[in-house]
C-alpha atoms as a PDB file:
ATOM      1  CA  MET A   1       8.105  17.950  22.895  1.00  0.00           C
ATOM      2  CA  ILE A   2       9.732  16.199  20.526  1.00  0.00           C
ATOM      3  CA  ARG A   3      13.261  16.680  22.145  1.00  0.00           C
ATOM      4  CA  LEU A   4      11.812  14.885  25.297  1.00  0.00           C
ATOM      5  CA  ALA A   5       9.547  11.929  22.903  1.00  0.00           C
ATOM      6  CA  LEU A   6      13.156  10.924  21.533  1.00  0.00           C
ATOM      7  CA  GLN A   7      14.926  11.317  24.909  1.00  0.00           C
ATOM      8  CA  GLU A   8      13.265   8.825  26.395  1.00  0.00           C
ATOM      9  CA  GLY A   9      12.271   6.244  23.350  1.00  0.00           C
ATOM     10  CA  ARG A  10       8.805   7.207  22.894  1.00  0.00           C
ATOM     11  CA  VAL A  11       7.169   7.334  19.581  1.00  0.00           C
ATOM     12  CA  LEU A  12       5.327  10.562  18.595  1.00  0.00           C
ATOM     13  CA  LEU A  13       2.343  10.856  16.725  1.00  0.00           C
ATOM     14  CA  THR A  14       1.436  14.452  14.813  1.00  0.00           C
ATOM     15  CA  GLU A  15      -0.092  15.579  11.967  1.00  0.00           C
ATOM     16  CA  ASP A  16       2.271  18.033  11.819  1.00  0.00           C
ATOM     17  CA  LYS A  17       4.081  17.976   8.547  1.00  0.00           C
ATOM     18  CA  ASP A  18       7.101  19.988  10.737  1.00  0.00           C
ATOM     19  CA  PHE A  19       8.323  16.937  12.657  1.00  0.00           C
ATOM     20  CA  GLY A  20       9.683  15.039  10.397  1.00  0.00           C
ATOM     21  CA  ARG A  21      11.731  17.940   9.015  1.00  0.00           C
ATOM     22  CA  LEU A  22      12.708  18.473  12.793  1.00  0.00           C
ATOM     23  CA  VAL A  23      13.654  15.326  13.245  1.00  0.00           C
ATOM     24  CA  PHE A  24      15.775  14.443  10.265  1.00  0.00           C
ATOM     25  CA  ALA A  25      17.763  18.261   9.574  1.00  0.00           C
ATOM     26  CA  ASN A  26      18.560  17.435  13.463  1.00  0.00           C
ATOM     27  CA  ARG A  27      19.766  14.061  12.995  1.00  0.00           C
ATOM     28  CA  GLN A  28      18.022  12.544  15.668  1.00  0.00           C
ATOM     29  CA  GLY A  29      17.705   9.394  16.982  1.00  0.00           C
ATOM     30  CA  GLY A  30      15.494   7.763  20.028  1.00  0.00           C
ATOM     31  CA  GLY A  31      11.913   7.662  19.547  1.00  0.00           C
ATOM     32  CA  GLY A  32      10.599   7.145  16.579  1.00  0.00           C
ATOM     33  CA  VAL A  33       7.410   9.908  14.765  1.00  0.00           C
ATOM     34  CA  VAL A  34       4.320   8.808  13.267  1.00  0.00           C
ATOM     35  CA  LEU A  35       2.514  11.481  10.682  1.00  0.00           C
ATOM     36  CA  LEU A  36      -1.230  10.974  10.447  1.00  0.00           C
ATOM     37  CA  ARG A  37      -2.606  12.354   7.140  1.00  0.00           C
ATOM     38  CA  PHE A  38      -5.873  11.182   7.285  1.00  0.00           C
ATOM     39  CA  PRO A  39      -8.774  14.015   5.444  1.00  0.00           C
ATOM     40  CA  ALA A  40     -11.310  15.452   7.307  1.00  0.00           C
ATOM     41  CA  LYS A  41     -13.632  12.811   5.613  1.00  0.00           C
ATOM     42  CA  ALA A  42     -11.789  10.007   7.115  1.00  0.00           C
ATOM     43  CA  ARG A  43     -11.086  11.598  10.630  1.00  0.00           C
ATOM     44  CA  LYS A  44     -13.285   8.591  12.461  1.00  0.00           C
ATOM     45  CA  GLN A  45     -10.306   6.267  10.803  1.00  0.00           C
ATOM     46  CA  VAL A  46      -7.909   7.576  12.798  1.00  0.00           C
ATOM     47  CA  ALA A  47      -7.904   5.839  16.247  1.00  0.00           C
ATOM     48  CA  LYS A  48      -8.557   2.085  14.670  1.00  0.00           C
ATOM     49  CA  ALA A  49      -5.662   3.321  12.244  1.00  0.00           C
ATOM     50  CA  VAL A  50      -3.100   4.047  15.060  1.00  0.00           C
ATOM     51  CA  VAL A  51      -4.200   0.963  17.005  1.00  0.00           C
ATOM     52  CA  ASP A  52      -3.773  -1.143  14.212  1.00  0.00           C
ATOM     53  CA  LEU A  53      -0.177   0.505  13.403  1.00  0.00           C
ATOM     54  CA  ALA A  54       0.926  -0.602  16.932  1.00  0.00           C
ATOM     55  CA  THR A  55      -0.469  -3.991  17.153  1.00  0.00           C
ATOM     56  CA  ARG A  56       0.985  -4.752  13.574  1.00  0.00           C
ATOM     57  CA  HIS A  57       3.895  -3.248  13.511  1.00  0.00           C
ATOM     58  CA  GLY A  58       4.934  -2.129  17.748  1.00  0.00           C
ATOM     59  CA  GLU A  59       9.012  -2.060  18.119  1.00  0.00           C
ATOM     60  CA  ARG A  60       9.263  -1.768  14.151  1.00  0.00           C
ATOM     61  CA  LEU A  61       8.150   2.081  14.851  1.00  0.00           C
ATOM     62  CA  LEU A  62      10.965   2.832  17.300  1.00  0.00           C
ATOM     63  CA  ARG A  63      14.036   4.993  15.099  1.00  0.00           C
ATOM     64  CA  LYS A  64      11.429   4.814  11.854  1.00  0.00           C
ATOM     65  CA  PHE A  65       9.641   8.017  10.135  1.00  0.00           C
ATOM     66  CA  SER A  66       6.144   6.368   9.283  1.00  0.00           C
ATOM     67  CA  VAL A  67       3.218   8.210   7.893  1.00  0.00           C
ATOM     68  CA  VAL A  68      -0.416   6.658   8.250  1.00  0.00           C
ATOM     69  CA  GLN A  69      -3.229   7.072   5.351  1.00  0.00           C
ATOM     70  CA  PRO A  70      -6.368   5.662   5.184  1.00  0.00           C
ATOM     71  CA  GLY A  71      -5.873   2.226   4.025  1.00  0.00           C
ATOM     72  CA  ARG A  72      -1.969   2.942   4.105  1.00  0.00           C
ATOM     73  CA  VAL A  73       1.685   3.108   5.964  1.00  0.00           C
ATOM     74  CA  ARG A  74       4.648   3.633   5.099  1.00  0.00           C
ATOM     75  CA  ILE A  75       7.516   3.070   7.234  1.00  0.00           C
ATOM     76  CA  SER A  76      11.302   4.384   6.367  1.00  0.00           C
ATOM     77  CA  ARG A  77      14.043   4.898   8.061  1.00  0.00           C
ATOM     78  CA  GLY A  78      14.833   7.489  10.854  1.00  0.00           C
ATOM     79  CA  PRO A  79      17.615   9.571  10.134  1.00  0.00           C
ATOM     80  CA  ALA A  80      19.686   8.009  12.780  1.00  0.00           C
ATOM     81  CA  GLY A  81      20.076   4.772  10.185  1.00  0.00           C
END
């Protein structure tokens, strides 16, 4: 799944922290990874947070590793720069 997303230049949405390690360990560029970190009590906010993220940051998410939490977005350099 991650390989396909990277090959196609897509942004992968996940709740699995291991994807960050996979991307950085393999130093793969291409798409981007968005790690969603929402506790159970904030699950209803996930869809709105993803739409807001795409609307505000769009293509800036490509080749980046981003973490989205309730009320917070952190966009880091991706593994290839």
